[in-house]
């Protein structure tokens, strides 16, 4: 899937008014996931991402994979986006369902 196709899909699923909003959500979710995934799984995901997003994702990877659940994932996405956790839950759903 191309970068533009991904943004269009996230826009549709998230109900965003502009692709820039979808892009912000995609980057925030991928950056949080980067800290959670083991190196092998992270590489598998990076290999499937458009080049720009793969670079964002790999830049966010540091050291060992952290262990945290969905509540912490939503909290971190909210922190990166400057939103509430409820909104971040919606954003994460729009992004992750677009990769499914």
N, C-alpha and C. Protein backbone atom coordinates (compact mmCIF):
# COMPACT_ATOMS: atom_id res chain seq x y z
N UNK A 1 0.85 -1.17 0.00
CA UNK A 1 0.00 0.00 0.00
C UNK A 1 0.90 1.24 0.00
N UNK A 2 0.53 2.20 -0.80
CA UNK A 2 1.33 3.43 -0.85
C UNK A 2 1.01 4.30 0.37
N UNK A 3 1.87 5.27 0.58
CA UNK A 3 1.69 6.21 1.69
C UNK A 3 0.37 6.96 1.55
N UNK A 4 0.08 7.45 0.37
CA UNK A 4 -1.17 8.19 0.13
C UNK A 4 -2.39 7.30 0.34
N UNK A 5 -2.31 6.05 -0.09
CA UNK A 5 -3.41 5.11 0.12
C UNK A 5 -3.63 4.86 1.61
N UNK A 6 -2.53 4.71 2.34
CA UNK A 6 -2.64 4.50 3.78
C UNK A 6 -3.30 5.71 4.45
N UNK A 7 -2.85 6.90 4.12
CA UNK A 7 -3.45 8.10 4.72
C UNK A 7 -4.92 8.22 4.37
N UNK A 8 -5.30 7.90 3.15
CA UNK A 8 -6.71 7.96 2.76
C UNK A 8 -7.53 6.97 3.57
N UNK A 9 -7.00 5.79 3.78
CA UNK A 9 -7.70 4.76 4.55
C UNK A 9 -7.84 5.19 6.02
N UNK A 10 -6.76 5.70 6.61
CA UNK A 10 -6.81 6.17 7.99
C UNK A 10 -7.76 7.35 8.12
N UNK A 11 -7.76 8.24 7.14
CA UNK A 11 -8.69 9.38 7.13
C UNK A 11 -10.12 8.88 7.17
N UNK A 12 -10.40 7.92 6.34
CA UNK A 12 -11.76 7.37 6.26
C UNK A 12 -12.16 6.68 7.56
N UNK A 13 -11.30 5.83 8.06
CA UNK A 13 -11.62 5.07 9.28
C UNK A 13 -11.64 5.94 10.53
N UNK A 14 -10.82 6.98 10.54
CA UNK A 14 -10.77 7.85 11.71
C UNK A 14 -11.69 9.05 11.64
N UNK A 15 -12.27 9.27 10.46
CA UNK A 15 -13.15 10.41 10.28
C UNK A 15 -12.42 11.74 10.34
N UNK A 16 -11.17 11.74 9.88
CA UNK A 16 -10.37 12.96 9.91
C UNK A 16 -10.75 13.87 8.74
N UNK A 17 -10.68 15.16 8.96
CA UNK A 17 -11.02 16.14 7.94
C UNK A 17 -9.90 16.33 6.92
N UNK A 18 -8.67 16.04 7.33
CA UNK A 18 -7.53 16.28 6.45
C UNK A 18 -6.49 15.17 6.60
N UNK A 19 -5.77 14.89 5.51
CA UNK A 19 -4.73 13.86 5.58
C UNK A 19 -3.65 14.16 6.63
N UNK A 20 -3.42 15.43 6.92
CA UNK A 20 -2.42 15.79 7.93
C UNK A 20 -2.79 15.25 9.31
N UNK A 21 -4.08 15.20 9.60
CA UNK A 21 -4.53 14.64 10.88
C UNK A 21 -4.29 13.14 10.91
N UNK A 22 -4.56 12.48 9.81
CA UNK A 22 -4.30 11.04 9.72
C UNK A 22 -2.81 10.76 9.84
N UNK A 23 -2.00 11.58 9.19
CA UNK A 23 -0.55 11.41 9.26
C UNK A 23 -0.05 11.54 10.69
N UNK A 24 -0.56 12.51 11.42
CA UNK A 24 -0.17 12.70 12.82
C UNK A 24 -0.51 11.45 13.64
N UNK A 25 -1.69 10.89 13.41
CA UNK A 25 -2.09 9.68 14.14
C UNK A 25 -1.21 8.49 13.77
N UNK A 26 -0.95 8.32 12.49
CA UNK A 26 -0.12 7.20 12.03
C UNK A 26 1.27 7.27 12.66
N UNK A 27 1.88 8.43 12.62
CA UNK A 27 3.23 8.57 13.16
C UNK A 27 3.24 8.34 14.66
N UNK A 28 2.27 8.89 15.38
CA UNK A 28 2.22 8.72 16.83
C UNK A 28 2.06 7.25 17.21
N UNK A 29 1.15 6.56 16.55
CA UNK A 29 0.91 5.14 16.87
C UNK A 29 2.15 4.32 16.54
N UNK A 30 2.75 4.54 15.38
CA UNK A 30 3.94 3.77 15.01
C UNK A 30 5.11 4.03 15.95
N UNK A 31 5.27 5.27 16.38
CA UNK A 31 6.36 5.57 17.31
C UNK A 31 6.16 4.86 18.64
N UNK A 32 4.94 4.81 19.12
CA UNK A 32 4.68 4.09 20.38
C UNK A 32 4.88 2.60 20.18
N UNK A 33 4.38 2.06 19.09
CA UNK A 33 4.57 0.63 18.82
C UNK A 33 6.05 0.26 18.70
N UNK A 34 6.83 1.17 18.16
CA UNK A 34 8.26 0.91 17.98
C UNK A 34 8.94 0.58 19.30
N UNK A 35 8.49 1.20 20.37
CA UNK A 35 9.11 0.94 21.67
C UNK A 35 8.58 -0.35 22.31
N UNK A 36 7.52 -0.91 21.76
CA UNK A 36 6.87 -2.08 22.35
C UNK A 36 7.25 -3.40 21.68
N UNK A 37 7.59 -3.35 20.40
CA UNK A 37 7.81 -4.59 19.65
C UNK A 37 9.24 -5.11 19.78
N UNK A 38 9.35 -6.43 19.77
CA UNK A 38 10.68 -7.06 19.76
C UNK A 38 11.34 -6.74 18.42
N UNK A 39 12.67 -6.81 18.36
CA UNK A 39 13.38 -6.44 17.13
C UNK A 39 12.91 -7.18 15.87
N UNK A 40 12.63 -8.47 15.99
CA UNK A 40 12.22 -9.24 14.82
C UNK A 40 10.87 -8.78 14.29
N UNK A 41 9.91 -8.58 15.18
CA UNK A 41 8.58 -8.13 14.79
C UNK A 41 8.63 -6.69 14.27
N UNK A 42 9.45 -5.88 14.91
CA UNK A 42 9.61 -4.49 14.46
C UNK A 42 10.17 -4.45 13.04
N UNK A 43 11.12 -5.31 12.74
CA UNK A 43 11.70 -5.34 11.39
C UNK A 43 10.66 -5.81 10.37
N UNK A 44 9.87 -6.80 10.74
CA UNK A 44 8.81 -7.28 9.85
C UNK A 44 7.84 -6.15 9.52
N UNK A 45 7.44 -5.39 10.54
CA UNK A 45 6.54 -4.26 10.31
C UNK A 45 7.21 -3.18 9.48
N UNK A 46 8.43 -2.83 9.81
CA UNK A 46 9.16 -1.79 9.06
C UNK A 46 9.28 -2.15 7.59
N UNK A 47 9.48 -3.43 7.30
CA UNK A 47 9.61 -3.88 5.92
C UNK A 47 8.32 -3.68 5.12
N UNK A 48 7.19 -3.64 5.80
CA UNK A 48 5.89 -3.49 5.14
C UNK A 48 5.44 -2.04 5.02
N UNK A 49 6.12 -1.14 5.69
CA UNK A 49 5.71 0.26 5.71
C UNK A 49 6.25 1.03 4.50
N UNK A 50 5.52 2.06 4.06
CA UNK A 50 6.10 2.97 3.07
C UNK A 50 7.41 3.54 3.62
N UNK A 51 8.33 3.89 2.75
CA UNK A 51 9.68 4.29 3.14
C UNK A 51 9.69 5.38 4.20
N UNK A 52 8.90 6.43 4.01
CA UNK A 52 8.86 7.53 4.97
C UNK A 52 8.46 7.03 6.36
N UNK A 53 7.44 6.20 6.44
CA UNK A 53 6.98 5.71 7.74
C UNK A 53 7.97 4.72 8.35
N UNK A 54 8.60 3.93 7.52
CA UNK A 54 9.61 2.99 8.03
C UNK A 54 10.73 3.76 8.71
N UNK A 55 11.12 4.88 8.14
CA UNK A 55 12.17 5.70 8.74
C UNK A 55 11.71 6.28 10.08
N UNK A 56 10.48 6.78 10.14
CA UNK A 56 9.92 7.30 11.40
C UNK A 56 9.88 6.20 12.46
N UNK A 57 9.44 5.03 12.04
CA UNK A 57 9.31 3.89 12.94
C UNK A 57 10.67 3.46 13.47
N UNK A 58 11.64 3.32 12.59
CA UNK A 58 12.97 2.86 13.00
C UNK A 58 13.68 3.90 13.86
N UNK A 59 13.44 5.19 13.61
CA UNK A 59 14.03 6.25 14.44
C UNK A 59 13.52 6.18 15.87
N UNK A 60 12.29 5.70 16.05
CA UNK A 60 11.69 5.63 17.39
C UNK A 60 12.14 4.40 18.17
N UNK A 61 12.71 3.41 17.49
CA UNK A 61 13.17 2.19 18.18
C UNK A 61 14.45 2.47 18.94
N UNK A 62 14.42 2.13 20.22
CA UNK A 62 15.63 2.31 21.05
C UNK A 62 15.71 1.15 22.03
N UNK A 63 16.79 0.45 21.98
CA UNK A 63 17.05 -0.58 22.97
C UNK A 63 16.04 -1.72 22.95
N UNK A 64 15.89 -2.31 24.10
CA UNK A 64 15.00 -3.46 24.27
C UNK A 64 13.54 -3.06 24.18
N UNK A 65 12.71 -4.01 23.78
CA UNK A 65 11.27 -3.77 23.72
C UNK A 65 10.73 -3.57 25.13
N UNK A 66 9.88 -2.59 25.29
CA UNK A 66 9.25 -2.34 26.58
C UNK A 66 7.99 -3.20 26.70
N UNK A 67 7.59 -3.45 27.92
CA UNK A 67 6.37 -4.19 28.16
C UNK A 67 5.32 -3.24 28.72
N UNK A 68 4.23 -3.07 27.97
CA UNK A 68 3.11 -2.28 28.45
C UNK A 68 1.85 -2.71 27.70
N UNK A 69 0.72 -2.45 28.31
CA UNK A 69 -0.56 -2.85 27.75
C UNK A 69 -1.22 -1.75 26.95
N UNK A 70 -2.48 -2.01 26.60
CA UNK A 70 -3.19 -1.07 25.76
C UNK A 70 -3.44 0.27 26.45
N UNK A 71 -3.72 0.26 27.75
CA UNK A 71 -3.96 1.52 28.44
C UNK A 71 -2.73 2.44 28.33
N UNK A 72 -1.55 1.87 28.48
CA UNK A 72 -0.32 2.66 28.36
C UNK A 72 -0.08 3.07 26.91
N UNK A 73 -0.40 2.19 25.98
CA UNK A 73 -0.27 2.54 24.56
C UNK A 73 -1.13 3.77 24.27
N UNK A 74 -2.39 3.75 24.71
CA UNK A 74 -3.29 4.89 24.47
C UNK A 74 -2.79 6.14 25.17
N UNK A 75 -2.27 5.99 26.37
CA UNK A 75 -1.76 7.15 27.10
C UNK A 75 -0.59 7.78 26.35
N UNK A 76 0.31 6.94 25.84
CA UNK A 76 1.48 7.46 25.11
C UNK A 76 1.09 8.10 23.78
N UNK A 77 0.13 7.50 23.09
CA UNK A 77 -0.35 8.11 21.85
C UNK A 77 -0.99 9.45 22.16
N UNK A 78 -1.78 9.52 23.21
CA UNK A 78 -2.42 10.78 23.61
C UNK A 78 -1.37 11.84 23.92
N UNK A 79 -0.33 11.43 24.62
CA UNK A 79 0.75 12.35 24.97
C UNK A 79 1.43 12.90 23.71
N UNK A 80 1.70 12.04 22.75
CA UNK A 80 2.37 12.46 21.51
C UNK A 80 1.48 13.38 20.67
N UNK A 81 0.17 13.13 20.73
CA UNK A 81 -0.74 13.90 19.90
C UNK A 81 -1.34 15.11 20.62
N UNK A 82 -1.12 15.18 21.92
CA UNK A 82 -1.69 16.29 22.68
C UNK A 82 -3.20 16.19 22.82
N UNK A 83 -3.69 14.95 22.99
CA UNK A 83 -5.13 14.71 23.09
C UNK A 83 -5.45 13.95 24.37
N UNK A 84 -6.71 13.64 24.54
CA UNK A 84 -7.17 12.82 25.65
C UNK A 84 -7.00 11.34 25.28
N UNK A 85 -6.97 10.49 26.30
CA UNK A 85 -6.80 9.05 26.08
C UNK A 85 -7.94 8.47 25.24
N UNK A 86 -9.15 8.95 25.46
CA UNK A 86 -10.30 8.46 24.68
C UNK A 86 -10.10 8.74 23.19
N UNK A 87 -9.61 9.91 22.87
CA UNK A 87 -9.34 10.27 21.48
C UNK A 87 -8.20 9.42 20.92
N UNK A 88 -7.19 9.19 21.73
CA UNK A 88 -6.06 8.37 21.30
C UNK A 88 -6.50 6.93 21.02
N UNK A 89 -7.45 6.44 21.78
CA UNK A 89 -7.99 5.08 21.54
C UNK A 89 -8.61 5.03 20.14
N UNK A 90 -9.36 6.06 19.79
CA UNK A 90 -9.97 6.16 18.46
C UNK A 90 -8.89 6.23 17.39
N UNK A 91 -7.89 7.09 17.61
CA UNK A 91 -6.80 7.25 16.66
C UNK A 91 -6.06 5.94 16.43
N UNK A 92 -5.73 5.26 17.51
CA UNK A 92 -5.01 3.99 17.40
C UNK A 92 -5.85 2.96 16.65
N UNK A 93 -7.14 2.93 16.91
CA UNK A 93 -8.02 1.99 16.20
C UNK A 93 -8.05 2.26 14.71
N UNK A 94 -8.12 3.55 14.34
CA UNK A 94 -8.13 3.91 12.92
C UNK A 94 -6.82 3.49 12.24
N UNK A 95 -5.71 3.71 12.91
CA UNK A 95 -4.41 3.38 12.33
C UNK A 95 -4.21 1.86 12.26
N UNK A 96 -4.40 1.19 13.39
CA UNK A 96 -4.12 -0.25 13.42
C UNK A 96 -5.06 -1.05 12.51
N UNK A 97 -6.32 -0.65 12.43
CA UNK A 97 -7.25 -1.36 11.55
C UNK A 97 -6.89 -1.15 10.08
N UNK A 98 -6.20 -0.08 9.77
CA UNK A 98 -5.78 0.17 8.40
C UNK A 98 -4.63 -0.74 7.97
N UNK A 99 -3.92 -1.27 8.92
CA UNK A 99 -2.83 -2.21 8.62
C UNK A 99 -3.31 -3.65 8.59
N UNK A 100 -4.51 -3.90 9.10
CA UNK A 100 -5.02 -5.28 9.19
C UNK A 100 -5.41 -5.84 7.84
